[in-house]
Amino acid sequence: MEQLSSEKATALHQNRRPPWAQYVTRCHDGGALWVVSLLTQEIERVFDAHILSMLPKEFHLRQKGYSILMQPPVTDRYLVDSWFFESTEKTGNQGARFEITFLTPTAFKQNGKYVAQPDIRLIYYSLASRWNEICDLDICPLNVSEEHMQEVCVSTHVANDFTSESAFSVNGKPIKGFRGTIILTCEKTIVARKWRMLFRYAQFCGVGIKTALGMGAFCLKSDNEVNS
């Protein structure tokens, strides 16, 4: 943000859900990997024009306290309709079993309070809301009504929870969250299709609060059909 004009930076910060997500994670070789996902064409243009060309080969992350060496960007492009149709073809009349990992501290906000546990309803609401804000609603809008989310919760179960508490520092103040792996099973075919689509999207947009700062990084580890 320091590379942008104050006007552009202010406009981006005022977005309720910024159209980008980022996180920094440690690699097996001891280095650090910085992943930035640009969720709209507009923010991609801003990034290309005002940020990428200005970044030095190596720069210091002030809040994290260490430096990062820049590598050439890797671009991943997925069509919204292909996500939906691929998930439809794969699922057929089957349920699903998902192994998902929260790579960085993850939390939600409900009724003005932080929730630091992997709650099915809050995961679905977070991802479906982001989908509806960013994606073309003429193709595949997602229902976030209370009735529909109840249907999602009834048909989706946490089979195993391997998460633990983990805090994330924002302006020197810790936000309590969780990280680790959970295994979800879903009995209902149409709900499994939606989860499959959303979990692929989550690898770009993150889940929960403050994904623009580095929280809520997400990885779909495995995705298997099961008899419902």
C-alpha atoms as a PDB file:
ATOM      1  CA  MET A   1       0.000   0.000   0.000  1.00  0.00           C
ATOM      2  CA  GLU A   2       2.944   2.323   0.593  1.00  0.00           C
ATOM      3  CA  GLN A   3       3.649   2.125  -3.151  1.00  0.00           C
ATOM      4  CA  LEU A   4       0.230   3.661  -4.006  1.00  0.00           C
ATOM      5  CA  SER A   5      -0.987   7.235  -3.869  1.00  0.00           C
ATOM      6  CA  SER A   6      -2.864   8.097  -0.677  1.00  0.00           C
ATOM      7  CA  GLU A   7      -6.092   8.444  -2.692  1.00  0.00           C
ATOM      8  CA  LYS A   8      -5.852   4.959  -4.208  1.00  0.00           C
ATOM      9  CA  ALA A   9      -4.756   3.385  -0.933  1.00  0.00           C
ATOM     10  CA  THR A  10      -7.648   4.995   0.963  1.00  0.00           C
ATOM     11  CA  ALA A  11     -10.184   3.822  -1.622  1.00  0.00           C
ATOM     12  CA  LEU A  12      -8.929   0.239  -1.379  1.00  0.00           C
ATOM     13  CA  HIS A  13      -8.880   0.276   2.424  1.00  0.00           C
ATOM     14  CA  GLN A  14     -12.495   1.461   2.515  1.00  0.00           C
ATOM     15  CA  ASN A  15     -13.719  -1.711   0.805  1.00  0.00           C
ATOM     16  CA  ARG A  16     -15.593  -3.869   3.302  1.00  0.00           C
ATOM     17  CA  ARG A  17     -13.965  -6.903   1.725  1.00  0.00           C
ATOM     18  CA  PRO A  18     -10.828  -5.880  -0.196  1.00  0.00           C
ATOM     19  CA  PRO A  19     -10.586  -7.561  -3.627  1.00  0.00           C
ATOM     20  CA  TRP A  20      -7.308  -9.258  -2.793  1.00  0.00           C
ATOM     21  CA  ALA A  21      -5.905 -11.698  -0.265  1.00  0.00           C
ATOM     22  CA  GLN A  22      -2.366 -12.393   0.830  1.00  0.00           C
ATOM     23  CA  TYR A  23      -0.356 -14.432   3.277  1.00  0.00           C
ATOM     24  CA  VAL A  24       3.234 -15.251   4.151  1.00  0.00           C
ATOM     25  CA  THR A  25       4.221 -18.781   5.094  1.00  0.00           C
ATOM     26  CA  ARG A  26       7.489 -20.465   5.970  1.00  0.00           C
ATOM     27  CA  CYS A  27       8.931 -22.970   3.500  1.00  0.00           C
ATOM     28  CA  HIS A  28      10.617 -26.290   4.286  1.00  0.00           C
ATOM     29  CA  ASP A  29      13.991 -24.828   3.305  1.00  0.00           C
ATOM     30  CA  GLY A  30      13.655 -22.092   5.929  1.00  0.00           C
ATOM     31  CA  GLY A  31      12.671 -19.373   3.464  1.00  0.00           C
ATOM     32  CA  ALA A  32       9.390 -17.484   3.250  1.00  0.00           C
ATOM     33  CA  LEU A  33       6.704 -17.622   0.557  1.00  0.00           C
ATOM     34  CA  TRP A  34       4.520 -14.566  -0.056  1.00  0.00           C
ATOM     35  CA  VAL A  35       1.281 -15.374  -1.900  1.00  0.00           C
ATOM     36  CA  VAL A  36      -0.917 -12.563  -3.241  1.00  0.00           C
ATOM     37  CA  SER A  37      -4.276 -13.311  -4.902  1.00  0.00           C
ATOM     38  CA  LEU A  38      -5.920 -10.590  -6.998  1.00  0.00           C
ATOM     39  CA  LEU A  39      -9.656 -11.264  -7.161  1.00  0.00           C
ATOM     40  CA  THR A  40     -10.860  -8.725  -9.734  1.00  0.00           C
ATOM     41  CA  GLN A  41      -9.549  -7.412 -13.033  1.00  0.00           C
ATOM     42  CA  GLU A  42      -9.544  -3.887 -11.604  1.00  0.00           C
ATOM     43  CA  ILE A  43      -7.201  -4.713  -8.730  1.00  0.00           C
ATOM     44  CA  GLU A  44      -5.046  -6.720 -11.132  1.00  0.00           C
ATOM     45  CA  ARG A  45      -4.612  -3.605 -13.281  1.00  0.00           C
ATOM     46  CA  VAL A  46      -3.785  -1.493 -10.215  1.00  0.00           C
ATOM     47  CA  PHE A  47      -1.250  -4.068  -9.045  1.00  0.00           C
ATOM     48  CA  ASP A  48       0.421  -4.330 -12.448  1.00  0.00           C
ATOM     49  CA  ALA A  49       0.547  -0.583 -13.048  1.00  0.00           C
ATOM     50  CA  HIS A  50       1.358   0.776  -9.609  1.00  0.00           C
ATOM     51  CA  ILE A  51       2.928  -1.959  -7.512  1.00  0.00           C
ATOM     52  CA  LEU A  52       4.627  -4.805  -9.368  1.00  0.00           C
ATOM     53  CA  SER A  53       6.806  -2.564 -11.522  1.00  0.00           C
ATOM     54  CA  MET A  54       7.873  -0.508  -8.487  1.00  0.00           C
ATOM     55  CA  LEU A  55       8.854  -3.306  -6.126  1.00  0.00           C
ATOM     56  CA  PRO A  56      12.579  -3.898  -5.655  1.00  0.00           C
ATOM     57  CA  LYS A  57      14.046  -7.373  -6.034  1.00  0.00           C
ATOM     58  CA  GLU A  58      14.277  -7.597  -2.257  1.00  0.00           C
ATOM     59  CA  PHE A  59      12.296  -5.592   0.260  1.00  0.00           C
ATOM     60  CA  HIS A  60      11.586  -5.525   3.962  1.00  0.00           C
ATOM     61  CA  LEU A  61       8.212  -6.457   5.486  1.00  0.00           C
ATOM     62  CA  ARG A  62       8.103  -3.962   8.324  1.00  0.00           C
ATOM     63  CA  GLN A  63       5.359  -5.577  10.429  1.00  0.00           C
ATOM     64  CA  LYS A  64       6.811  -9.078  10.029  1.00  0.00           C
ATOM     65  CA  GLY A  65      10.404  -8.058  10.675  1.00  0.00           C
ATOM     66  CA  TYR A  66      12.103  -9.851   7.784  1.00  0.00           C
ATOM     67  CA  SER A  67      12.898  -9.400   4.085  1.00  0.00           C
ATOM     68  CA  ILE A  68      11.481 -11.163   1.026  1.00  0.00           C
ATOM     69  CA  LEU A  69      13.195 -11.839  -2.283  1.00  0.00           C
ATOM     70  CA  MET A  70      10.872 -11.236  -5.237  1.00  0.00           C
ATOM     71  CA  GLN A  71      10.361 -13.998  -7.802  1.00  0.00           C
ATOM     72  CA  PRO A  72       8.490 -13.784 -11.141  1.00  0.00           C
ATOM     73  CA  PRO A  73       4.712 -13.875 -10.558  1.00  0.00           C
ATOM     74  CA  VAL A  74       2.719 -17.014 -11.289  1.00  0.00           C
ATOM     75  CA  THR A  75      -0.743 -16.416 -12.732  1.00  0.00           C
ATOM     76  CA  ASP A  76      -3.613 -18.850 -12.192  1.00  0.00           C
ATOM     77  CA  ARG A  77      -6.859 -18.206 -14.081  1.00  0.00           C
ATOM     78  CA  TYR A  78     -10.033 -20.187 -13.516  1.00  0.00           C
ATOM     79  CA  LEU A  79     -13.394 -19.614 -15.134  1.00  0.00           C
ATOM     80  CA  VAL A  80     -16.337 -19.384 -12.774  1.00  0.00           C
ATOM     81  CA  ASP A  81     -18.509 -21.592 -14.943  1.00  0.00           C
ATOM     82  CA  SER A  82     -15.838 -24.294 -15.247  1.00  0.00           C
ATOM     83  CA  TRP A  83     -15.592 -24.547 -11.446  1.00  0.00           C
ATOM     84  CA  PHE A  84     -19.315 -25.157 -11.199  1.00  0.00           C
ATOM     85  CA  PHE A  85     -19.660 -27.599 -14.084  1.00  0.00           C
ATOM     86  CA  GLU A  86     -16.546 -29.572 -13.120  1.00  0.00           C
ATOM     87  CA  SER A  87     -17.833 -29.960  -9.572  1.00  0.00           C
ATOM     88  CA  THR A  88     -21.245 -31.013 -10.901  1.00  0.00           C
ATOM     89  CA  GLU A  89     -19.749 -33.695 -13.136  1.00  0.00           C
ATOM     90  CA  LYS A  90     -17.476 -35.026 -10.420  1.00  0.00           C
ATOM     91  CA  THR A  91     -20.061 -35.252  -7.677  1.00  0.00           C
ATOM     92  CA  GLY A  92     -22.845 -37.011  -9.594  1.00  0.00           C
ATOM     93  CA  ASN A  93     -25.099 -38.510  -6.917  1.00  0.00           C
ATOM     94  CA  GLN A  94     -22.333 -38.835  -4.354  1.00  0.00           C
ATOM     95  CA  GLY A  95     -21.599 -37.088  -1.100  1.00  0.00           C
ATOM     96  CA  ALA A  96     -18.106 -35.778  -0.399  1.00  0.00           C
ATOM     97  CA  ARG A  97     -15.235 -35.865   2.061  1.00  0.00           C
ATOM     98  CA  PHE A  98     -12.951 -32.819   2.186  1.00  0.00           C
ATOM     99  CA  GLU A  99      -9.645 -32.412   3.981  1.00  0.00           C
ATOM    100  CA  ILE A 100      -8.960 -28.689   4.358  1.00  0.00           C
ATOM    101  CA  THR A 101      -6.108 -26.842   6.039  1.00  0.00           C
ATOM    102  CA  PHE A 102      -6.076 -23.333   7.468  1.00  0.00           C
ATOM    103  CA  LEU A 103      -2.487 -22.263   6.780  1.00  0.00           C
ATOM    104  CA  THR A 104      -2.476 -19.039   8.800  1.00  0.00           C
ATOM    105  CA  PRO A 105      -4.470 -17.979  11.878  1.00  0.00           C
ATOM    106  CA  THR A 106      -8.163 -17.883  10.980  1.00  0.00           C
ATOM    107  CA  ALA A 107     -11.091 -16.278  12.789  1.00  0.00           C
ATOM    108  CA  PHE A 108     -14.610 -15.039  12.114  1.00  0.00           C
ATOM    109  CA  LYS A 109     -16.655 -12.171  13.470  1.00  0.00           C
ATOM    110  CA  GLN A 110     -20.220 -12.735  14.635  1.00  0.00           C
ATOM    111  CA  ASN A 111     -22.391 -10.252  16.518  1.00  0.00           C
ATOM    112  CA  GLY A 112     -19.367  -8.028  17.096  1.00  0.00           C
ATOM    113  CA  LYS A 113     -17.270 -10.807  18.652  1.00  0.00           C
ATOM    114  CA  TYR A 114     -14.411 -12.897  17.315  1.00  0.00           C
ATOM    115  CA  VAL A 115     -15.021 -16.621  16.817  1.00  0.00           C
ATOM    116  CA  ALA A 116     -11.820 -18.677  16.902  1.00  0.00           C
ATOM    117  CA  GLN A 117     -13.028 -22.119  15.869  1.00  0.00           C
ATOM    118  CA  PRO A 118     -13.883 -23.825  12.542  1.00  0.00           C
ATOM    119  CA  ASP A 119     -17.653 -23.312  12.517  1.00  0.00           C
ATOM    120  CA  ILE A 120     -19.412 -24.770   9.442  1.00  0.00           C
ATOM    121  CA  ARG A 121     -22.005 -22.018   9.214  1.00  0.00           C
ATOM    122  CA  LEU A 122     -19.416 -19.235   9.444  1.00  0.00           C
ATOM    123  CA  ILE A 123     -17.118 -20.901   6.911  1.00  0.00           C
ATOM    124  CA  TYR A 124     -19.957 -21.200   4.390  1.00  0.00           C
ATOM    125  CA  TYR A 125     -21.230 -17.664   5.001  1.00  0.00           C
ATOM    126  CA  SER A 126     -17.747 -16.179   4.641  1.00  0.00           C
ATOM    127  CA  LEU A 127     -17.000 -17.949   1.361  1.00  0.00           C
ATOM    128  CA  ALA A 128     -20.467 -17.593  -0.195  1.00  0.00           C
ATOM    129  CA  SER A 129     -20.571 -13.871   0.632  1.00  0.00           C
ATOM    130  CA  ARG A 130     -17.177 -13.315  -0.981  1.00  0.00           C
ATOM    131  CA  TRP A 131     -18.267 -15.334  -4.008  1.00  0.00           C
ATOM    132  CA  ASN A 132     -21.399 -13.222  -4.435  1.00  0.00           C
ATOM    133  CA  GLU A 133     -19.483  -9.944  -4.090  1.00  0.00           C
ATOM    134  CA  ILE A 134     -16.709 -10.790  -6.535  1.00  0.00           C
ATOM    135  CA  CYS A 135     -18.160 -13.210  -9.080  1.00  0.00           C
ATOM    136  CA  ASP A 136     -20.717 -12.828 -11.849  1.00  0.00           C
ATOM    137  CA  LEU A 137     -24.075 -13.458 -10.179  1.00  0.00           C
ATOM    138  CA  ASP A 138     -25.705 -14.225 -13.528  1.00  0.00           C
ATOM    139  CA  ILE A 139     -23.681 -17.445 -13.621  1.00  0.00           C
ATOM    140  CA  CYS A 140     -23.925 -18.962 -10.169  1.00  0.00           C
ATOM    141  CA  PRO A 141     -25.253 -16.887  -7.242  1.00  0.00           C
ATOM    142  CA  LEU A 142     -25.136 -18.578  -3.843  1.00  0.00           C
ATOM    143  CA  ASN A 143     -27.909 -18.483  -1.275  1.00  0.00           C
ATOM    144  CA  VAL A 144     -26.870 -17.103   2.131  1.00  0.00           C
ATOM    145  CA  SER A 145     -30.326 -17.029   3.716  1.00  0.00           C
ATOM    146  CA  GLU A 146     -30.662 -18.427   7.225  1.00  0.00           C
ATOM    147  CA  GLU A 147     -32.836 -21.261   5.934  1.00  0.00           C
ATOM    148  CA  HIS A 148     -30.285 -22.327   3.342  1.00  0.00           C
ATOM    149  CA  MET A 149     -27.356 -22.115   5.744  1.00  0.00           C
ATOM    150  CA  GLN A 150     -29.290 -24.343   8.124  1.00  0.00           C
ATOM    151  CA  GLU A 151     -29.586 -26.886   5.300  1.00  0.00           C
ATOM    152  CA  VAL A 152     -25.822 -26.665   4.739  1.00  0.00           C
ATOM    153  CA  CYS A 153     -25.102 -27.202   8.436  1.00  0.00           C
ATOM    154  CA  VAL A 154     -27.459 -30.174   8.734  1.00  0.00           C
ATOM    155  CA  SER A 155     -25.840 -32.027   5.816  1.00  0.00           C
ATOM    156  CA  THR A 156     -22.197 -31.135   6.632  1.00  0.00           C
ATOM    157  CA  HIS A 157     -20.248 -32.573   9.552  1.00  0.00           C
ATOM    158  CA  VAL A 158     -16.781 -32.119  11.039  1.00  0.00           C
ATOM    159  CA  ALA A 159     -15.462 -35.689  11.060  1.00  0.00           C
ATOM    160  CA  ASN A 160     -12.064 -34.770  12.508  1.00  0.00           C
ATOM    161  CA  ASP A 161     -10.661 -31.547  13.929  1.00  0.00           C
ATOM    162  CA  PHE A 162      -6.885 -31.181  14.099  1.00  0.00           C
ATOM    163  CA  THR A 163      -6.829 -27.412  14.623  1.00  0.00           C
ATOM    164  CA  SER A 164      -5.231 -25.532  17.499  1.00  0.00           C
ATOM    165  CA  GLU A 165      -5.267 -21.970  18.797  1.00  0.00           C
ATOM    166  CA  SER A 166      -3.049 -19.499  16.975  1.00  0.00           C
ATOM    167  CA  ALA A 167      -2.839 -15.708  17.208  1.00  0.00           C
ATOM    168  CA  PHE A 168      -2.264 -13.115  14.484  1.00  0.00           C
ATOM    169  CA  SER A 169      -0.802  -9.691  15.272  1.00  0.00           C
ATOM    170  CA  VAL A 170      -2.474  -6.598  13.792  1.00  0.00           C
ATOM    171  CA  ASN A 171      -0.895  -3.272  14.759  1.00  0.00           C
ATOM    172  CA  GLY A 172       0.795  -4.973  17.672  1.00  0.00           C
ATOM    173  CA  LYS A 173      -2.416  -6.458  19.065  1.00  0.00           C
ATOM    174  CA  PRO A 174      -3.039 -10.222  18.880  1.00  0.00           C
ATOM    175  CA  ILE A 175      -6.235 -11.573  17.340  1.00  0.00           C
ATOM    176  CA  LYS A 176      -7.072 -15.035  18.626  1.00  0.00           C
ATOM    177  CA  GLY A 177      -7.661 -17.561  15.863  1.00  0.00           C
ATOM    178  CA  PHE A 178      -7.035 -21.170  14.894  1.00  0.00           C
ATOM    179  CA  ARG A 179      -4.977 -23.036  12.322  1.00  0.00           C
ATOM    180  CA  GLY A 180      -4.563 -26.634  11.248  1.00  0.00           C
ATOM    181  CA  THR A 181      -6.616 -29.253   9.416  1.00  0.00           C
ATOM    182  CA  ILE A 182     -10.228 -30.402   9.579  1.00  0.00           C
ATOM    183  CA  ILE A 183     -12.018 -33.152   7.687  1.00  0.00           C
ATOM    184  CA  LEU A 184     -15.569 -32.413   6.549  1.00  0.00           C
ATOM    185  CA  THR A 185     -18.114 -34.903   5.263  1.00  0.00           C
ATOM    186  CA  CYS A 186     -21.164 -33.826   3.293  1.00  0.00           C
ATOM    187  CA  GLU A 187     -24.160 -36.074   2.695  1.00  0.00           C
ATOM    188  CA  LYS A 188     -26.224 -33.978   0.295  1.00  0.00           C
ATOM    189  CA  THR A 189     -25.156 -33.893  -3.346  1.00  0.00           C
ATOM    190  CA  ILE A 190     -26.049 -30.284  -4.179  1.00  0.00           C
ATOM    191  CA  VAL A 191     -24.418 -28.998  -1.000  1.00  0.00           C
ATOM    192  CA  ALA A 192     -21.278 -31.026  -1.771  1.00  0.00           C
ATOM    193  CA  ARG A 193     -21.111 -29.342  -5.189  1.00  0.00           C
ATOM    194  CA  LYS A 194     -21.230 -25.910  -3.597  1.00  0.00           C
ATOM    195  CA  TRP A 195     -18.560 -26.786  -1.041  1.00  0.00           C
ATOM    196  CA  ARG A 196     -16.336 -28.138  -3.811  1.00  0.00           C
ATOM    197  CA  MET A 197     -16.637 -24.909  -5.775  1.00  0.00           C
ATOM    198  CA  LEU A 198     -16.184 -22.683  -2.715  1.00  0.00           C
ATOM    199  CA  PHE A 199     -13.163 -24.573  -1.404  1.00  0.00           C
ATOM    200  CA  ARG A 200     -11.383 -24.072  -4.716  1.00  0.00           C
ATOM    201  CA  TYR A 201     -12.209 -20.383  -4.591  1.00  0.00           C
ATOM    202  CA  ALA A 202     -11.067 -20.185  -0.950  1.00  0.00           C
ATOM    203  CA  GLN A 203      -7.527 -21.027  -2.028  1.00  0.00           C
ATOM    204  CA  PHE A 204      -7.486 -17.597  -3.654  1.00  0.00           C
ATOM    205  CA  CYS A 205      -9.733 -15.435  -1.469  1.00  0.00           C
ATOM    206  CA  GLY A 206      -9.067 -16.967   1.964  1.00  0.00           C
ATOM    207  CA  VAL A 207     -11.706 -17.467   4.643  1.00  0.00           C
ATOM    208  CA  GLY A 208     -12.815 -15.401   7.617  1.00  0.00           C
ATOM    209  CA  ILE A 209     -11.594 -11.949   8.643  1.00  0.00           C
ATOM    210  CA  LYS A 210      -8.566  -9.876   7.627  1.00  0.00           C
ATOM    211  CA  THR A 211      -7.516 -12.013   4.674  1.00  0.00           C
ATOM    212  CA  ALA A 212      -6.058  -8.880   3.063  1.00  0.00           C
ATOM    213  CA  LEU A 213      -3.571  -8.738   5.952  1.00  0.00           C
ATOM    214  CA  GLY A 214      -2.597 -12.409   5.981  1.00  0.00           C
ATOM    215  CA  MET A 215      -5.208 -14.260   8.025  1.00  0.00           C
ATOM    216  CA  GLY A 216      -7.375 -17.108   6.751  1.00  0.00           C
ATOM    217  CA  ALA A 217      -5.050 -18.664   4.168  1.00  0.00           C
ATOM    218  CA  PHE A 218      -6.666 -21.874   2.954  1.00  0.00           C
ATOM    219  CA  CYS A 219      -5.648 -25.112   1.241  1.00  0.00           C
ATOM    220  CA  LEU A 220      -7.856 -27.929  -0.066  1.00  0.00           C
ATOM    221  CA  LYS A 221      -5.707 -30.976   0.699  1.00  0.00           C
ATOM    222  CA  SER A 222      -8.022 -33.699  -0.625  1.00  0.00           C
ATOM    223  CA  ASP A 223     -11.480 -34.025  -2.150  1.00  0.00           C
ATOM    224  CA  ASN A 224     -13.105 -37.452  -2.391  1.00  0.00           C
ATOM    225  CA  GLU A 225     -16.515 -38.778  -3.318  1.00  0.00           C
ATOM    226  CA  VAL A 226     -18.336 -40.906  -0.763  1.00  0.00           C
ATOM    227  CA  ASN A 227     -21.621 -42.765  -0.871  1.00  0.00           C
ATOM    228  CA  SER A 228     -24.330 -40.567   0.584  1.00  0.00           C
END
